[in-house]
Amino acid sequence: MDIGKLSMFANMKEKMDWLNQRQQVIAQNIANSDTPGYRPEDLKEFNPAKVGGDRQFILAMAKTEPGHSAGLHKPQNFKAEEVRKNYEVAPDKNAVVIEEQLVKMNENRIDFQTMTRLYAKQSEMIKTAIGRSS
C-alpha cells in the first residue's frame, strides 16, 4: 500500500513541495541582495482548496491506447511568482530587505517542521491501525 496516494498524505506532500520551492525563492532573494535592480520574489499563497487538482493527477489513469483521453494534466509548478510591492528600495534599485527574507525563511522552516511531524504522526497512526507498530 502506497500511503503517498492517500489524499491526506498527498496534501501534505504538496504543502511540503510548496515550502521547498518557497525556500529556493527566498534563498535566491538573499543571494541577490546586493544585485542592483533586483526585486524580491515570492510564491503565491498556498491554497489548499486547489490541492484537489493535483490529487486528480495522482489518481489519473494510464493512457494505453491512442484513442484514450489525454487524461489529467500534470500539476502546475508553484513557480507562479508574484512581485510584491516593496516599501524599501536601495539607491541602486535593489528592493531586497534581508530582515524580511530571514523572517520568511524562519516561517518556512517552522511550517516544514510542522508538516514533517504531522506526516510522521499520521504514518505512525496508520501503522498502528494495521498492526505494524515500530
Foldseek 3Di string as FASTA:
>chain_A
DDPCLPPVNVLLVVVLLLLVVQLVQLVVLVVCQPPQQDARKGFDDDDSVPSVLQSQVSVWDDDDDPPDDPTGDHDDDRPPIDGDDAPDADPSRRRRDNVVSVVVNVVSVVVNVVSVVVVVVVVQVVCVVVPNHD
